[in-house]
Structures are given as structure tokens and as C-alpha cells.
Amino acid sequence: MSLPHFKYHPNPMGTESIVESDTECCCCGQKRGYIYVGPVYAEEDYDESICPWCIADGSAYQKLDASFTDECGIGGYGDWDNVPQEVISEIAYRTPCFCGWQQERWWTHCGDAGEFLGRAGCKELMEYGPEAISSIQDDTGLDDGPEWDEFFNALDKDGSPTAYIFKCRKCGKLGGYQDCD
């Protein structure tokens, strides 16, 4: 069975937000072979118990009142482009999020939300190129120099600090942010 498509999170297996699992979904009661392991915001504890299909079709939101990204975090709490309510609803209620060190933010650009590409350390940022590096440097507020160099070299995809990289769906620009524990 192929996973549902998430236009704002096109590779949730690659980003490790969805993993193979024989866990029964608490929403639909089925064992579909995959389970979501990212953040869930609800009154009940639904950690690692919702299947991707119940996220994609909105069932988890409708039946469990579960959301996956803080609505205000879409657009970085006002730091990035505003987006229509339909985009906010799709990301918050029908798109798997990712795990961050602090409260997750969803990068926006060109009046739309970006596609989440994944976490990145120094090595991955260099592979993404100067545009991604510049975006993360801008987010830190650090100028070129020893302090930025030290921070950049410390970035770790699986550690702290970590960068989160997105791609604009309209113009292709790379952007994102960083955080640490």
C-alpha cells in the first residue's frame, strides 16, 4: 500500500516523521504498516498511534481533535509570509509535522507554505548550497566571522543545533530556520 501524498511534506518517510510499524491506528483501528511519529496536539495522548491515511483525509482532526503543527507556527509566528487559512488548515490538520528541539515552525514564502525537505546539519546544508546556508545564517542573526563559523560547524542533523530546510512551492527558493535544545 503506498502512502498518501502530502504536498507540504512530500517525503515523510525520508524525514522520519512516518515509520514502518505494525501499530493499530487509534483513529481508524487498522494496521496499515505505517505510523506517524511526529508531534500531536490533542487533549489525549496519541503519540505514535495515528496512521498517515487518517492524517491525510482529516479523520484524525475530525475524530480525535488532533492537530500536527501549531497554526501560529505556520509562517514562523509572523516572521515569514502570511498564507491563506486553507493552507494553515491543511498543514495543521492534514499534514505530518516533524520533530524539532523547540516549538516547530513551518516556513512560508510567496504566499504559500514551503515543502518540508528535512533536518540538516553542516554537511547537509553545504549540499543544499549557499541559498539554504544564507537562510539559516539570517535566522541566527550572526554575521560572517568566527561566531557564525563555530555555529555553522556545530550544526548536526541528528543533534543540536539543527537546521530545518523547506523549499518554496512557487519559486523554488530554499529557506528555513534553526534551533537547539
Protein backbone atom coordinates (compact mmCIF):
# COMPACT_ATOMS: atom_id res chain seq x y z
CA MET A 1 0.00 0.00 0.00
CA SER A 2 1.50 3.33 -0.99
CA LEU A 3 1.43 6.24 1.44
CA PRO A 4 -0.87 9.20 0.85
CA HIS A 5 0.75 12.23 -0.79
CA PHE A 6 1.35 15.29 1.38
CA LYS A 7 2.09 18.32 -0.79
CA TYR A 8 3.76 20.23 2.06
CA HIS A 9 5.71 17.23 3.35
CA PRO A 10 6.47 15.15 0.23
CA ASN A 11 8.84 12.61 1.83
CA PRO A 12 7.68 11.89 5.39
CA MET A 13 9.47 8.52 5.40
CA GLY A 14 12.75 10.21 4.45
CA THR A 15 12.32 12.81 7.18
CA GLU A 16 11.40 10.03 9.64
CA SER A 17 8.03 11.57 10.52
CA ILE A 18 6.36 8.36 9.35
CA VAL A 19 7.89 4.95 10.03
CA GLU A 20 7.05 1.34 9.29
CA SER A 21 5.03 -0.12 12.14
CA ASP A 22 2.51 -2.84 12.94
CA THR A 23 0.77 -0.47 15.39
CA GLU A 24 -3.01 -0.23 15.08
CA CYS A 25 -4.19 3.29 14.31
CA CYS A 26 -6.20 4.74 17.20
CA CYS A 27 -8.41 6.61 14.72
CA CYS A 28 -9.39 4.01 12.10
CA GLY A 29 -8.48 0.84 14.01
CA GLN A 30 -6.42 -0.55 11.13
CA LYS A 31 -2.84 -1.80 10.97
CA ARG A 32 -1.62 -0.32 7.70
CA GLY A 33 2.12 -0.89 8.12
CA TYR A 34 3.00 2.75 8.86
CA ILE A 35 2.54 5.13 11.77
CA TYR A 36 3.18 8.84 12.35
CA VAL A 37 5.84 9.59 14.99
CA GLY A 38 5.87 13.41 15.00
CA PRO A 39 4.16 15.84 17.37
CA VAL A 40 0.42 15.53 18.04
CA TYR A 41 -1.54 18.28 19.75
CA ALA A 42 -4.71 16.96 21.41
CA GLU A 43 -6.28 16.53 24.83
CA GLU A 44 -5.50 12.81 24.78
CA ASP A 45 -2.07 11.24 24.20
CA TYR A 46 -1.89 9.99 20.61
CA ASP A 47 1.89 9.70 20.30
CA GLU A 48 2.90 7.12 17.67
CA SER A 49 -0.66 5.86 17.23
CA ILE A 50 -2.10 7.65 14.16
CA CYS A 51 -1.71 6.32 10.62
CA PRO A 52 -0.80 8.60 7.70
CA TRP A 53 -4.17 7.99 6.00
CA CYS A 54 -6.12 9.39 8.97
CA ILE A 55 -3.89 12.47 8.88
CA ALA A 56 -4.26 12.93 5.10
CA ASP A 57 -8.04 12.65 4.96
CA GLY A 58 -8.59 14.77 8.08
CA SER A 59 -10.08 11.91 10.13
CA ALA A 60 -7.59 12.36 12.96
CA TYR A 61 -8.54 16.01 13.24
CA GLN A 62 -12.29 15.35 12.97
CA LYS A 63 -12.49 12.30 15.25
CA LEU A 64 -9.68 12.98 17.74
CA ASP A 65 -9.43 16.78 17.56
CA ALA A 66 -5.73 16.23 16.81
CA SER A 67 -3.53 18.75 15.05
CA PHE A 68 0.06 18.29 13.97
CA THR A 69 1.51 21.81 13.69
CA ASP A 70 0.65 24.85 15.76
CA GLU A 71 -1.39 27.15 13.49
CA CYS A 72 0.59 30.19 14.64
CA GLY A 73 3.87 28.44 13.83
CA ILE A 74 2.90 28.31 10.15
CA GLY A 75 4.66 31.42 8.94
CA GLY A 76 7.03 31.45 11.90
CA TYR A 77 4.72 33.35 14.29
CA GLY A 78 4.61 36.27 11.86
CA ASP A 79 8.28 36.21 10.79
CA TRP A 80 7.55 34.94 7.27
CA ASP A 81 4.85 35.35 4.59
CA ASN A 82 1.19 35.21 5.59
CA VAL A 83 -0.70 32.37 3.96
CA PRO A 84 -4.42 31.70 3.38
CA GLN A 85 -6.40 29.90 6.08
CA GLU A 86 -6.82 26.89 3.74
CA VAL A 87 -3.03 26.40 3.74
CA ILE A 88 -2.86 26.73 7.52
CA SER A 89 -5.65 24.16 7.91
CA GLU A 90 -4.01 21.70 5.52
CA ILE A 91 -0.70 21.84 7.36
CA ALA A 92 -2.10 21.94 10.90
CA TYR A 93 -4.73 19.22 10.43
CA ARG A 94 -3.84 17.11 7.36
CA THR A 95 -0.02 17.13 7.10
CA PRO A 96 2.52 15.25 9.21
CA CYS A 97 4.85 17.60 11.05
CA PHE A 98 8.44 16.92 12.14
CA CYS A 99 10.17 16.85 15.50
CA GLY A 100 12.15 19.91 16.49
CA TRP A 101 14.03 20.88 19.62
CA GLN A 102 11.67 23.75 20.38
CA GLN A 103 8.21 24.54 19.03
CA GLU A 104 8.16 23.63 15.33
CA ARG A 105 7.72 26.40 12.76
CA TRP A 106 6.66 25.98 9.12
CA TRP A 107 8.50 28.23 6.65
CA THR A 108 6.35 30.22 4.22
CA HIS A 109 7.25 32.11 1.04
CA CYS A 110 5.41 33.57 -1.99
CA GLY A 111 2.11 33.48 -0.06
CA ASP A 112 2.24 29.70 0.39
CA ALA A 113 3.83 27.24 2.78
CA GLY A 114 7.05 25.56 1.78
CA GLU A 115 7.64 21.85 1.34
CA PHE A 116 9.49 20.45 4.32
CA LEU A 117 12.66 18.80 3.00
CA GLY A 118 14.16 17.71 6.31
CA ARG A 119 16.55 18.40 9.14
CA ALA A 120 20.06 19.45 8.22
CA GLY A 121 23.47 19.74 9.80
CA CYS A 122 26.55 21.44 8.40
CA LYS A 123 27.15 18.67 5.83
CA GLU A 124 23.55 18.68 4.54
CA LEU A 125 23.43 22.49 4.38
CA MET A 126 26.57 22.51 2.24
CA GLU A 127 24.84 20.02 -0.09
CA TYR A 128 21.76 22.28 -0.29
CA GLY A 129 24.03 25.18 -1.18
CA PRO A 130 24.50 28.90 -0.47
CA GLU A 131 20.81 29.82 -0.50
CA ALA A 132 19.99 27.38 2.32
CA ILE A 133 23.10 28.37 4.28
CA SER A 134 22.21 32.04 3.97
CA SER A 135 18.66 31.38 5.18
CA ILE A 136 19.93 29.65 8.30
CA GLN A 137 22.57 32.31 8.91
CA ASP A 138 19.88 35.01 8.62
CA ASP A 139 17.78 33.12 11.17
CA THR A 140 20.67 33.11 13.67
CA GLY A 141 21.31 36.84 13.30
CA LEU A 142 25.05 36.11 13.16
CA ASP A 143 27.34 37.95 10.74
CA ASP A 144 30.19 36.26 8.89
CA GLY A 145 33.05 35.59 11.26
CA PRO A 146 34.24 33.21 13.95
CA GLU A 147 30.94 33.06 15.85
CA TRP A 148 28.98 32.11 12.69
CA ASP A 149 31.71 29.65 11.62
CA GLU A 150 31.57 27.93 15.01
CA PHE A 151 27.79 27.73 14.92
CA PHE A 152 27.71 26.51 11.30
CA ASN A 153 30.26 23.77 12.01
CA ALA A 154 28.27 22.66 15.08
CA LEU A 155 25.02 22.13 13.11
CA ASP A 156 24.03 18.47 13.31
CA LYS A 157 21.13 16.82 11.50
CA ASP A 158 20.54 14.43 14.40
CA GLY A 159 21.81 16.61 17.23
CA SER A 160 21.79 20.18 18.40
CA PRO A 161 21.81 22.76 16.92
CA THR A 162 19.77 21.63 13.92
CA ALA A 163 18.55 23.37 10.77
CA TYR A 164 15.12 22.73 9.20
CA ILE A 165 15.01 23.19 5.44
CA PHE A 166 12.00 23.99 3.24
CA LYS A 167 11.51 24.69 -0.46
CA CYS A 168 9.08 27.27 -1.82
CA ARG A 169 6.44 25.54 -3.93
CA LYS A 170 6.12 28.57 -6.22
CA CYS A 171 9.65 29.89 -6.89
CA GLY A 172 11.85 27.05 -5.64
CA LYS A 173 13.74 29.20 -3.09
CA LEU A 174 15.19 27.32 -0.13
CA GLY A 175 14.57 28.64 3.37
CA GLY A 176 14.15 27.57 6.93
CA TYR A 177 15.33 28.07 10.46
CA GLN A 178 17.48 26.58 13.18
CA ASP A 179 17.03 25.69 16.81
CA CYS A 180 18.71 23.77 19.59
CA ASP A 181 17.95 22.00 22.83
